Amino acid sequence: RTFTSNAMGWFRRAPGKEREFVAAITSGGSTTDYEDSVKGR
């Protein structure tokens, strides 16, 4: 019941590497953020 109150994001973990941030979006959906390697894609 609290979905709308949370910021949401995606992380990824490649084989042999640490988990890294990929993308995020605010609770209202108005602001986004991306890791440099995925911007534009």
PDB file of all heavy atoms in Angstrom:
ATOM      1  N   ARG A   1       0.788  -1.225   0.000  1.00  0.00           N
ATOM      2  CA  ARG A   1       0.000   0.000   0.000  1.00  0.00           C
ATOM      3  C   ARG A   1       0.821   1.277   0.000  1.00  0.00           C
ATOM      4  O   ARG A   1       0.247   2.374   0.029  1.00  0.00           O
ATOM      5  CB  ARG A   1      -0.931   0.000   1.216  1.00  0.00           C
ATOM      6  CG  ARG A   1      -0.209  -0.142   2.541  1.00  0.00           C
ATOM      7  CD  ARG A   1      -1.187  -0.393   3.670  1.00  0.00           C
ATOM      8  NE  ARG A   1      -2.160   0.680   3.812  1.00  0.00           N
ATOM      9  CZ  ARG A   1      -3.114   0.716   4.728  1.00  0.00           C
ATOM     10  NH1 ARG A   1      -3.216  -0.284   5.594  1.00  0.00           N
ATOM     11  NH2 ARG A   1      -3.956   1.721   4.784  1.00  0.00           N
ATOM     12  N   THR A   2       2.152   1.175  -0.050  1.00  0.00           N
ATOM     13  CA  THR A   2       3.011   2.355   0.036  1.00  0.00           C
ATOM     14  C   THR A   2       3.828   2.608  -1.219  1.00  0.00           C
ATOM     15  O   THR A   2       4.827   3.317  -1.176  1.00  0.00           O
ATOM     16  CB  THR A   2       3.969   2.247   1.237  1.00  0.00           C
ATOM     17  OG1 THR A   2       4.801   1.092   1.095  1.00  0.00           O
ATOM     18  CG2 THR A   2       3.188   2.149   2.531  1.00  0.00           C
ATOM     19  N   PHE A   3       3.409   2.044  -2.341  1.00  0.00           N
ATOM     20  CA  PHE A   3       4.170   2.174  -3.576  1.00  0.00           C
ATOM     21  C   PHE A   3       4.415   3.628  -3.968  1.00  0.00           C
ATOM     22  O   PHE A   3       5.526   4.002  -4.345  1.00  0.00           O
ATOM     23  CB  PHE A   3       3.454   1.445  -4.711  1.00  0.00           C
ATOM     24  CG  PHE A   3       4.126   1.592  -6.051  1.00  0.00           C
ATOM     25  CD1 PHE A   3       5.258   0.858  -6.355  1.00  0.00           C
ATOM     26  CD2 PHE A   3       3.623   2.468  -7.007  1.00  0.00           C
ATOM     27  CE1 PHE A   3       5.887   0.982  -7.585  1.00  0.00           C
ATOM     28  CE2 PHE A   3       4.238   2.605  -8.236  1.00  0.00           C
ATOM     29  CZ  PHE A   3       5.375   1.859  -8.523  1.00  0.00           C
ATOM     30  N   THR A   4       3.415   4.464  -3.889  1.00  0.00           N
ATOM     31  CA  THR A   4       3.526   5.842  -4.362  1.00  0.00           C
ATOM     32  C   THR A   4       4.424   6.713  -3.500  1.00  0.00           C
ATOM     33  O   THR A   4       4.797   7.809  -3.926  1.00  0.00           O
ATOM     34  CB  THR A   4       2.141   6.497  -4.466  1.00  0.00           C
ATOM     35  OG1 THR A   4       1.497   6.467  -3.195  1.00  0.00           O
ATOM     36  CG2 THR A   4       1.278   5.765  -5.486  1.00  0.00           C
ATOM     37  N   SER A   5       4.795   6.274  -2.317  1.00  0.00           N
ATOM     38  CA  SER A   5       5.631   7.069  -1.427  1.00  0.00           C
ATOM     39  C   SER A   5       7.123   6.811  -1.605  1.00  0.00           C
ATOM     40  O   SER A   5       7.939   7.485  -0.980  1.00  0.00           O
ATOM     41  CB  SER A   5       5.240   6.823   0.029  1.00  0.00           C
ATOM     42  OG  SER A   5       5.530   5.499   0.412  1.00  0.00           O
ATOM     43  N   ASN A   6       7.491   5.862  -2.431  1.00  0.00           N
ATOM     44  CA  ASN A   6       8.886   5.462  -2.612  1.00  0.00           C
ATOM     45  C   ASN A   6       9.486   5.949  -3.917  1.00  0.00           C
ATOM     46  O   ASN A   6       8.831   5.921  -4.964  1.00  0.00           O
ATOM     47  CB  ASN A   6       9.015   3.941  -2.586  1.00  0.00           C
ATOM     48  CG  ASN A   6       8.915   3.354  -1.200  1.00  0.00           C
ATOM     49  OD1 ASN A   6       9.915   3.275  -0.487  1.00  0.00           O
ATOM     50  ND2 ASN A   6       7.714   2.940  -0.822  1.00  0.00           N
ATOM     51  N   ALA A   7      10.745   6.365  -3.842  1.00  0.00           N
ATOM     52  CA  ALA A   7      11.533   6.499  -5.053  1.00  0.00           C
ATOM     53  C   ALA A   7      11.839   5.080  -5.534  1.00  0.00           C
ATOM     54  O   ALA A   7      11.984   4.166  -4.731  1.00  0.00           O
ATOM     55  CB  ALA A   7      12.829   7.251  -4.771  1.00  0.00           C
ATOM     56  N   MET A   8      11.942   4.901  -6.834  1.00  0.00           N
ATOM     57  CA  MET A   8      12.199   3.583  -7.408  1.00  0.00           C
ATOM     58  C   MET A   8      13.450   3.628  -8.268  1.00  0.00           C
ATOM     59  O   MET A   8      13.780   4.663  -8.846  1.00  0.00           O
ATOM     60  CB  MET A   8      11.016   3.117  -8.250  1.00  0.00           C
ATOM     61  CG  MET A   8       9.696   3.039  -7.505  1.00  0.00           C
ATOM     62  SD  MET A   8       9.685   1.751  -6.221  1.00  0.00           S
ATOM     63  CE  MET A   8       9.887   0.274  -7.221  1.00  0.00           C
ATOM     64  N   GLY A   9      14.118   2.493  -8.359  1.00  0.00           N
ATOM     65  CA  GLY A   9      15.317   2.461  -9.169  1.00  0.00           C
ATOM     66  C   GLY A   9      15.667   1.071  -9.649  1.00  0.00           C
ATOM     67  O   GLY A   9      15.048   0.081  -9.260  1.00  0.00           O
ATOM     68  N   TRP A  10      16.668   1.038 -10.509  1.00  0.00           N
ATOM     69  CA  TRP A  10      17.212  -0.211 -11.022  1.00  0.00           C
ATOM     70  C   TRP A  10      18.707  -0.255 -10.770  1.00  0.00           C
ATOM     71  O   TRP A  10      19.416   0.732 -10.999  1.00  0.00           O
ATOM     72  CB  TRP A  10      16.943  -0.359 -12.518  1.00  0.00           C
ATOM     73  CG  TRP A  10      15.507  -0.584 -12.870  1.00  0.00           C
ATOM     74  CD1 TRP A  10      14.577   0.362 -13.154  1.00  0.00           C
ATOM     75  CD2 TRP A  10      14.845  -1.845 -12.973  1.00  0.00           C
ATOM     76  NE1 TRP A  10      13.367  -0.222 -13.434  1.00  0.00           N
ATOM     77  CE2 TRP A  10      13.499  -1.575 -13.334  1.00  0.00           C
ATOM     78  CE3 TRP A  10      15.238  -3.164 -12.805  1.00  0.00           C
ATOM     79  CZ2 TRP A  10      12.559  -2.590 -13.527  1.00  0.00           C
ATOM     80  CZ3 TRP A  10      14.308  -4.175 -12.994  1.00  0.00           C
ATOM     81  CH2 TRP A  10      12.986  -3.884 -13.351  1.00  0.00           C
ATOM     82  N   PHE A  11      19.182  -1.395 -10.313  1.00  0.00           N
ATOM     83  CA  PHE A  11      20.597  -1.673 -10.135  1.00  0.00           C
ATOM     84  C   PHE A  11      20.940  -2.913 -10.943  1.00  0.00           C
ATOM     85  O   PHE A  11      20.050  -3.665 -11.341  1.00  0.00           O
ATOM     86  CB  PHE A  11      20.935  -1.917  -8.659  1.00  0.00           C
ATOM     87  CG  PHE A  11      20.754  -0.712  -7.773  1.00  0.00           C
ATOM     88  CD1 PHE A  11      19.492  -0.312  -7.367  1.00  0.00           C
ATOM     89  CD2 PHE A  11      21.855   0.013  -7.334  1.00  0.00           C
ATOM     90  CE1 PHE A  11      19.319   0.790  -6.541  1.00  0.00           C
ATOM     91  CE2 PHE A  11      21.698   1.117  -6.508  1.00  0.00           C
ATOM     92  CZ  PHE A  11      20.427   1.512  -6.113  1.00  0.00           C
ATOM     93  N   ARG A  12      22.215  -3.143 -11.171  1.00  0.00           N
ATOM     94  CA  ARG A  12      22.619  -4.353 -11.872  1.00  0.00           C
ATOM     95  C   ARG A  12      23.942  -4.872 -11.319  1.00  0.00           C
ATOM     96  O   ARG A  12      24.746  -4.116 -10.767  1.00  0.00           O
ATOM     97  CB  ARG A  12      22.740  -4.123 -13.378  1.00  0.00           C
ATOM     98  CG  ARG A  12      23.859  -3.166 -13.793  1.00  0.00           C
ATOM     99  CD  ARG A  12      23.793  -2.897 -15.285  1.00  0.00           C
ATOM    100  NE  ARG A  12      24.855  -1.998 -15.718  1.00  0.00           N
ATOM    101  CZ  ARG A  12      24.962  -1.498 -16.938  1.00  0.00           C
ATOM    102  NH1 ARG A  12      24.061  -1.820 -17.871  1.00  0.00           N
ATOM    103  NH2 ARG A  12      25.962  -0.682 -17.253  1.00  0.00           N
ATOM    104  N   ARG A  13      24.142  -6.175 -11.462  1.00  0.00           N
ATOM    105  CA  ARG A  13      25.378  -6.812 -11.043  1.00  0.00           C
ATOM    106  C   ARG A  13      25.855  -7.726 -12.153  1.00  0.00           C
ATOM    107  O   ARG A  13      25.210  -8.732 -12.466  1.00  0.00           O
ATOM    108  CB  ARG A  13      25.182  -7.601  -9.748  1.00  0.00           C
ATOM    109  CG  ARG A  13      26.480  -8.166  -9.183  1.00  0.00           C
ATOM    110  CD  ARG A  13      26.236  -8.922  -7.895  1.00  0.00           C
ATOM    111  NE  ARG A  13      25.441 -10.112  -8.116  1.00  0.00           N
ATOM    112  CZ  ARG A  13      24.911 -10.845  -7.145  1.00  0.00           C
ATOM    113  NH1 ARG A  13      25.088 -10.484  -5.874  1.00  0.00           N
ATOM    114  NH2 ARG A  13      24.202 -11.918  -7.438  1.00  0.00           N
ATOM    115  N   ALA A  14      26.964  -7.358 -12.760  1.00  0.00           N
ATOM    116  CA  ALA A  14      27.568  -8.162 -13.811  1.00  0.00           C
ATOM    117  C   ALA A  14      28.449  -9.238 -13.183  1.00  0.00           C
ATOM    118  O   ALA A  14      28.902  -9.097 -12.042  1.00  0.00           O
ATOM    119  CB  ALA A  14      28.393  -7.282 -14.740  1.00  0.00           C
ATOM    120  N   PRO A  15      28.728 -10.326 -13.904  1.00  0.00           N
ATOM    121  CA  PRO A  15      29.565 -11.395 -13.364  1.00  0.00           C
ATOM    122  C   PRO A  15      30.920 -10.880 -12.894  1.00  0.00           C
ATOM    123  O   PRO A  15      31.619 -10.187 -13.641  1.00  0.00           O
ATOM    124  CB  PRO A  15      29.718 -12.353 -14.544  1.00  0.00           C
ATOM    125  CG  PRO A  15      28.482 -12.134 -15.349  1.00  0.00           C
ATOM    126  CD  PRO A  15      28.221 -10.657 -15.245  1.00  0.00           C
ATOM    127  N   GLY A  16      31.285 -11.186 -11.664  1.00  0.00           N
ATOM    128  CA  GLY A  16      32.573 -10.786 -11.127  1.00  0.00           C
ATOM    129  C   GLY A  16      32.696  -9.328 -10.754  1.00  0.00           C
ATOM    130  O   GLY A  16      33.797  -8.872 -10.430  1.00  0.00           O
ATOM    131  N   LYS A  17      31.609  -8.583 -10.777  1.00  0.00           N
ATOM    132  CA  LYS A  17      31.651  -7.162 -10.474  1.00  0.00           C
ATOM    133  C   LYS A  17      30.688  -6.804  -9.342  1.00  0.00           C
ATOM    134  O   LYS A  17      29.788  -7.570  -9.012  1.00  0.00           O
ATOM    135  CB  LYS A  17      31.314  -6.337 -11.716  1.00  0.00           C
ATOM    136  CG  LYS A  17      32.291  -6.503 -12.867  1.00  0.00           C
ATOM    137  CD  LYS A  17      31.921  -5.614 -14.037  1.00  0.00           C
ATOM    138  CE  LYS A  17      32.907  -5.757 -15.178  1.00  0.00           C
ATOM    139  NZ  LYS A  17      32.555  -4.893 -16.325  1.00  0.00           N
ATOM    140  N   GLU A  18      30.904  -5.628  -8.774  1.00  0.00           N
ATOM    141  CA  GLU A  18      30.023  -5.137  -7.724  1.00  0.00           C
ATOM    142  C   GLU A  18      28.714  -4.637  -8.319  1.00  0.00           C
ATOM    143  O   GLU A  18      28.642  -4.247  -9.484  1.00  0.00           O
ATOM    144  CB  GLU A  18      30.698  -4.011  -6.945  1.00  0.00           C
ATOM    145  CG  GLU A  18      31.912  -4.437  -6.138  1.00  0.00           C
ATOM    146  CD  GLU A  18      31.539  -5.302  -4.961  1.00  0.00           C
ATOM    147  OE1 GLU A  18      30.475  -5.061  -4.346  1.00  0.00           O
ATOM    148  OE2 GLU A  18      32.302  -6.224  -4.644  1.00  0.00           O
ATOM    149  N   ARG A  19      27.684  -4.635  -7.492  1.00  0.00           N
ATOM    150  CA  ARG A  19      26.405  -4.082  -7.901  1.00  0.00           C
ATOM    151  C   ARG A  19      26.567  -2.591  -8.174  1.00  0.00           C
ATOM    152  O   ARG A  19      27.262  -1.887  -7.443  1.00  0.00           O
ATOM    153  CB  ARG A  19      25.380  -4.309  -6.790  1.00  0.00           C
ATOM    154  CG  ARG A  19      23.989  -3.780  -7.096  1.00  0.00           C
ATOM    155  CD  ARG A  19      23.085  -3.947  -5.885  1.00  0.00           C
ATOM    156  NE  ARG A  19      23.559  -3.174  -4.763  1.00  0.00           N
ATOM    157  CZ  ARG A  19      23.225  -3.407  -3.494  1.00  0.00           C
ATOM    158  NH1 ARG A  19      22.415  -4.414  -3.197  1.00  0.00           N
ATOM    159  NH2 ARG A  19      23.700  -2.637  -2.532  1.00  0.00           N
ATOM    160  N   GLU A  20      25.935  -2.097  -9.225  1.00  0.00           N
ATOM    161  CA  GLU A  20      26.019  -0.687  -9.557  1.00  0.00           C
ATOM    162  C   GLU A  20      24.646  -0.094  -9.846  1.00  0.00           C
ATOM    163  O   GLU A  20      23.730  -0.784 -10.293  1.00  0.00           O
ATOM    164  CB  GLU A  20      26.940  -0.456 -10.758  1.00  0.00           C
ATOM    165  CG  GLU A  20      26.406  -0.995 -12.075  1.00  0.00           C
ATOM    166  CD  GLU A  20      27.252  -0.592 -13.266  1.00  0.00           C
ATOM    167  OE1 GLU A  20      28.111   0.298 -13.133  1.00  0.00           O
ATOM    168  OE2 GLU A  20      27.058  -1.176 -14.360  1.00  0.00           O
ATOM    169  N   PHE A  21      24.535   1.189  -9.602  1.00  0.00           N
ATOM    170  CA  PHE A  21      23.323   1.927  -9.886  1.00  0.00           C
ATOM    171  C   PHE A  21      23.127   2.062 -11.385  1.00  0.00           C
ATOM    172  O   PHE A  21      24.086   2.266 -12.129  1.00  0.00           O
ATOM    173  CB  PHE A  21      23.408   3.316  -9.247  1.00  0.00           C
ATOM    174  CG  PHE A  21      22.337   4.262  -9.689  1.00  0.00           C
ATOM    175  CD1 PHE A  21      21.080   4.232  -9.108  1.00  0.00           C
ATOM    176  CD2 PHE A  21      22.580   5.190 -10.683  1.00  0.00           C
ATOM    177  CE1 PHE A  21      20.088   5.105  -9.506  1.00  0.00           C
ATOM    178  CE2 PHE A  21      21.598   6.071 -11.089  1.00  0.00           C
ATOM    179  CZ  PHE A  21      20.342   6.025 -10.499  1.00  0.00           C
ATOM    180  N   VAL A  22      21.879   1.977 -11.842  1.00  0.00           N
ATOM    181  CA  VAL A  22      21.564   2.120 -13.258  1.00  0.00           C
ATOM    182  C   VAL A  22      20.654   3.322 -13.510  1.00  0.00           C
ATOM    183  O   VAL A  22      20.972   4.192 -14.319  1.00  0.00           O
ATOM    184  CB  VAL A  22      20.897   0.853 -13.822  1.00  0.00           C
ATOM    185  CG1 VAL A  22      20.508   1.055 -15.281  1.00  0.00           C
ATOM    186  CG2 VAL A  22      21.829  -0.342 -13.680  1.00  0.00           C
ATOM    187  N   ALA A  23      19.509   3.369 -12.835  1.00  0.00           N
ATOM    188  CA  ALA A  23      18.538   4.435 -13.073  1.00  0.00           C
ATOM    189  C   ALA A  23      17.612   4.576 -11.884  1.00  0.00           C
ATOM    190  O   ALA A  23      17.420   3.631 -11.109  1.00  0.00           O
ATOM    191  CB  ALA A  23      17.722   4.144 -14.337  1.00  0.00           C
ATOM    192  N   ALA A  24      17.014   5.760 -11.735  1.00  0.00           N
ATOM    193  CA  ALA A  24      16.081   6.004 -10.645  1.00  0.00           C
ATOM    194  C   ALA A  24      15.009   6.990 -11.080  1.00  0.00           C
ATOM    195  O   ALA A  24      15.208   7.778 -12.006  1.00  0.00           O
ATOM    196  CB  ALA A  24      16.809   6.543  -9.412  1.00  0.00           C
ATOM    197  N   ILE A  25      13.890   6.958 -10.368  1.00  0.00           N
ATOM    198  CA  ILE A  25      12.789   7.867 -10.638  1.00  0.00           C
ATOM    199  C   ILE A  25      12.128   8.230  -9.322  1.00  0.00           C
ATOM    200  O   ILE A  25      11.973   7.394  -8.433  1.00  0.00           O
ATOM    201  CB  ILE A  25      11.779   7.228 -11.627  1.00  0.00           C
ATOM    202  CG1 ILE A  25      10.718   8.241 -12.061  1.00  0.00           C
ATOM    203  CG2 ILE A  25      11.131   5.982 -11.020  1.00  0.00           C
ATOM    204  CD1 ILE A  25       9.895   7.764 -13.256  1.00  0.00           C
ATOM    205  N   THR A  26      11.740   9.490  -9.173  1.00  0.00           N
ATOM    206  CA  THR A  26      11.111   9.947  -7.939  1.00  0.00           C
ATOM    207  C   THR A  26       9.696   9.400  -7.825  1.00  0.00           C
ATOM    208  O   THR A  26       9.116   8.886  -8.778  1.00  0.00           O
ATOM    209  CB  THR A  26      11.078  11.477  -7.881  1.00  0.00           C
ATOM    210  OG1 THR A  26      10.451  11.992  -9.065  1.00  0.00           O
ATOM    211  CG2 THR A  26      12.492  12.040  -7.778  1.00  0.00           C
ATOM    212  N   SER A  27       9.125   9.529  -6.632  1.00  0.00           N
ATOM    213  CA  SER A  27       7.803   8.962  -6.376  1.00  0.00           C
ATOM    214  C   SER A  27       6.731   9.526  -7.293  1.00  0.00           C
ATOM    215  O   SER A  27       5.798   8.814  -7.667  1.00  0.00           O
ATOM    216  CB  SER A  27       7.411   9.179  -4.911  1.00  0.00           C
ATOM    217  OG  SER A  27       7.363  10.561  -4.594  1.00  0.00           O
ATOM    218  N   GLY A  28       6.860  10.807  -7.649  1.00  0.00           N
ATOM    219  CA  GLY A  28       5.892  11.422  -8.536  1.00  0.00           C
ATOM    220  C   GLY A  28       6.170  11.198 -10.004  1.00  0.00           C
ATOM    221  O   GLY A  28       5.339  11.529 -10.856  1.00  0.00           O
ATOM    222  N   GLY A  29       7.342  10.656 -10.324  1.00  0.00           N
ATOM    223  CA  GLY A  29       7.690  10.365 -11.700  1.00  0.00           C
ATOM    224  C   GLY A  29       8.176  11.551 -12.506  1.00  0.00           C
ATOM    225  O   GLY A  29       8.355  11.437 -13.726  1.00  0.00           O
ATOM    226  N   SER A  30       8.439  12.679 -11.858  1.00  0.00           N
ATOM    227  CA  SER A  30       8.824  13.886 -12.576  1.00  0.00           C
ATOM    228  C   SER A  30      10.322  14.039 -12.776  1.00  0.00           C
ATOM    229  O   SER A  30      10.751  14.819 -13.629  1.00  0.00           O
ATOM    230  CB  SER A  30       8.286  15.119 -11.848  1.00  0.00           C
ATOM    231  OG  SER A  30       8.821  15.214 -10.539  1.00  0.00           O
ATOM    232  N   THR A  31      11.130  13.320 -12.004  1.00  0.00           N
ATOM    233  CA  THR A  31      12.578  13.440 -12.076  1.00  0.00           C
ATOM    234  C   THR A  31      13.217  12.071 -12.226  1.00  0.00           C
ATOM    235  O   THR A  31      12.847  11.131 -11.531  1.00  0.00           O
ATOM    236  CB  THR A  31      13.137  14.126 -10.824  1.00  0.00           C
ATOM    237  OG1 THR A  31      12.526  15.408 -10.667  1.00  0.00           O
ATOM    238  CG2 THR A  31      14.647  14.313 -10.940  1.00  0.00           C
ATOM    239  N   THR A  32      14.196  11.980 -13.122  1.00  0.00           N
ATOM    240  CA  THR A  32      14.917  10.728 -13.333  1.00  0.00           C
ATOM    241  C   THR A  32      16.410  10.954 -13.231  1.00  0.00           C
ATOM    242  O   THR A  32      16.900  12.075 -13.360  1.00  0.00           O
ATOM    243  CB  THR A  32      14.580  10.112 -14.701  1.00  0.00           C
ATOM    244  OG1 THR A  32      14.897  11.055 -15.736  1.00  0.00           O
ATOM    245  CG2 THR A  32      13.100   9.761 -14.790  1.00  0.00           C
ATOM    246  N   ASP A  33      17.153   9.863 -13.016  1.00  0.00           N
ATOM    247  CA  ASP A  33      18.601   9.923 -12.869  1.00  0.00           C
ATOM    248  C   ASP A  33      19.176   8.658 -13.485  1.00  0.00           C
ATOM    249  O   ASP A  33      18.591   7.577 -13.332  1.00  0.00           O
ATOM    250  CB  ASP A  33      18.965  10.027 -11.392  1.00  0.00           C
ATOM    251  CG  ASP A  33      20.403  10.456 -11.157  1.00  0.00           C
ATOM    252  OD1 ASP A  33      21.035  10.974 -12.095  1.00  0.00           O
ATOM    253  OD2 ASP A  33      20.889  10.284 -10.017  1.00  0.00           O
ATOM    254  N   TYR A  34      20.330   8.781 -14.158  1.00  0.00           N
ATOM    255  CA  TYR A  34      20.918   7.645 -14.852  1.00  0.00           C
ATOM    256  C   TYR A  34      22.421   7.580 -14.653  1.00  0.00           C
ATOM    257  O   TYR A  34      23.099   8.611 -14.548  1.00  0.00           O
ATOM    258  CB  TYR A  34      20.650   7.719 -16.357  1.00  0.00           C
ATOM    259  CG  TYR A  34      19.196   7.684 -16.738  1.00  0.00           C
ATOM    260  CD1 TYR A  34      18.474   8.859 -16.906  1.00  0.00           C
ATOM    261  CD2 TYR A  34      18.533   6.472 -16.930  1.00  0.00           C
ATOM    262  CE1 TYR A  34      17.139   8.832 -17.255  1.00  0.00           C
ATOM    263  CE2 TYR A  34      17.205   6.434 -17.276  1.00  0.00           C
ATOM    264  CZ  TYR A  34      16.499   7.620 -17.442  1.00  0.00           C
ATOM    265  OH  TYR A  34      15.173   7.586 -17.788  1.00  0.00           O
ATOM    266  N   GLU A  35      22.940   6.371 -14.618  1.00  0.00           N
ATOM    267  CA  GLU A  35      24.368   6.161 -14.650  1.00  0.00           C
ATOM    268  C   GLU A  35      24.869   6.576 -16.034  1.00  0.00           C
ATOM    269  O   GLU A  35      24.184   6.371 -17.037  1.00  0.00           O
ATOM    270  CB  GLU A  35      24.679   4.696 -14.349  1.00  0.00           C
ATOM    271  CG  GLU A  35      26.139   4.397 -14.070  1.00  0.00           C
ATOM    272  CD  GLU A  35      26.904   4.079 -15.321  1.00  0.00           C
ATOM    273  OE1 GLU A  35      26.321   3.491 -16.247  1.00  0.00           O
ATOM    274  OE2 GLU A  35      28.099   4.437 -15.376  1.00  0.00           O
ATOM    275  N   ASP A  36      26.066   7.139 -16.099  1.00  0.00           N
ATOM    276  CA  ASP A  36      26.553   7.727 -17.341  1.00  0.00           C
ATOM    277  C   ASP A  36      26.552   6.770 -18.530  1.00  0.00           C
ATOM    278  O   ASP A  36      26.231   7.170 -19.653  1.00  0.00           O
ATOM    279  CB  ASP A  36      27.966   8.278 -17.147  1.00  0.00           C
ATOM    280  CG  ASP A  36      27.998   9.549 -16.325  1.00  0.00           C
ATOM    281  OD1 ASP A  36      26.944  10.200 -16.190  1.00  0.00           O
ATOM    282  OD2 ASP A  36      29.084   9.904 -15.828  1.00  0.00           O
ATOM    283  N   SER A  37      26.899   5.528 -18.314  1.00  0.00           N
ATOM    284  CA  SER A  37      27.033   4.596 -19.420  1.00  0.00           C
ATOM    285  C   SER A  37      25.708   4.232 -20.091  1.00  0.00           C
ATOM    286  O   SER A  37      25.707   3.697 -21.200  1.00  0.00           O
ATOM    287  CB  SER A  37      27.735   3.312 -18.956  1.00  0.00           C
ATOM    288  OG  SER A  37      26.917   2.565 -18.082  1.00  0.00           O
ATOM    289  N   VAL A  38      24.583   4.516 -19.433  1.00  0.00           N
ATOM    290  CA  VAL A  38      23.291   4.168 -20.014  1.00  0.00           C
ATOM    291  C   VAL A  38      22.489   5.388 -20.445  1.00  0.00           C
ATOM    292  O   VAL A  38      21.403   5.229 -21.026  1.00  0.00           O
ATOM    293  CB  VAL A  38      22.443   3.305 -19.054  1.00  0.00           C
ATOM    294  CG1 VAL A  38      23.235   2.096 -18.582  1.00  0.00           C
ATOM    295  CG2 VAL A  38      21.947   4.133 -17.870  1.00  0.00           C
ATOM    296  N   LYS A  39      22.989   6.578 -20.198  1.00  0.00           N
ATOM    297  CA  LYS A  39      22.276   7.792 -20.600  1.00  0.00           C
ATOM    298  C   LYS A  39      22.078   7.816 -22.108  1.00  0.00           C
ATOM    299  O   LYS A  39      22.996   7.551 -22.873  1.00  0.00           O
ATOM    300  CB  LYS A  39      23.045   9.038 -20.157  1.00  0.00           C
ATOM    301  CG  LYS A  39      22.965   9.323 -18.676  1.00  0.00           C
ATOM    302  CD  LYS A  39      23.691  10.618 -18.322  1.00  0.00           C
ATOM    303  CE  LYS A  39      23.564  10.935 -16.849  1.00  0.00           C
ATOM    304  NZ  LYS A  39      24.297  12.165 -16.474  1.00  0.00           N
ATOM    305  N   GLY A  40      20.866   8.146 -22.515  1.00  0.00           N
ATOM    306  CA  GLY A  40      20.549   8.178 -23.929  1.00  0.00           C
ATOM    307  C   GLY A  40      20.123   6.841 -24.489  1.00  0.00           C
ATOM    308  O   GLY A  40      19.638   6.774 -25.628  1.00  0.00           O
ATOM    309  N   ARG A  41      20.305   5.775 -23.720  1.00  0.00           N
ATOM    310  CA  ARG A  41      19.933   4.434 -24.169  1.00  0.00           C
ATOM    311  C   ARG A  41      18.815   3.827 -23.329  1.00  0.00           C
ATOM    312  O   ARG A  41      17.956   3.117 -23.853  1.00  0.00           O
ATOM    313  CB  ARG A  41      21.140   3.497 -24.134  1.00  0.00           C
ATOM    314  CG  ARG A  41      22.286   3.931 -25.038  1.00  0.00           C
ATOM    315  CD  ARG A  41      23.337   2.831 -25.158  1.00  0.00           C
ATOM    316  NE  ARG A  41      23.950   2.505 -23.875  1.00  0.00           N
ATOM    317  CZ  ARG A  41      23.912   1.306 -23.303  1.00  0.00           C
ATOM    318  NH1 ARG A  41      23.285   0.301 -23.909  1.00  0.00           N
ATOM    319  NH2 ARG A  41      24.506   1.097 -22.134  1.00  0.00           N
TER     320      ARG A  41
END
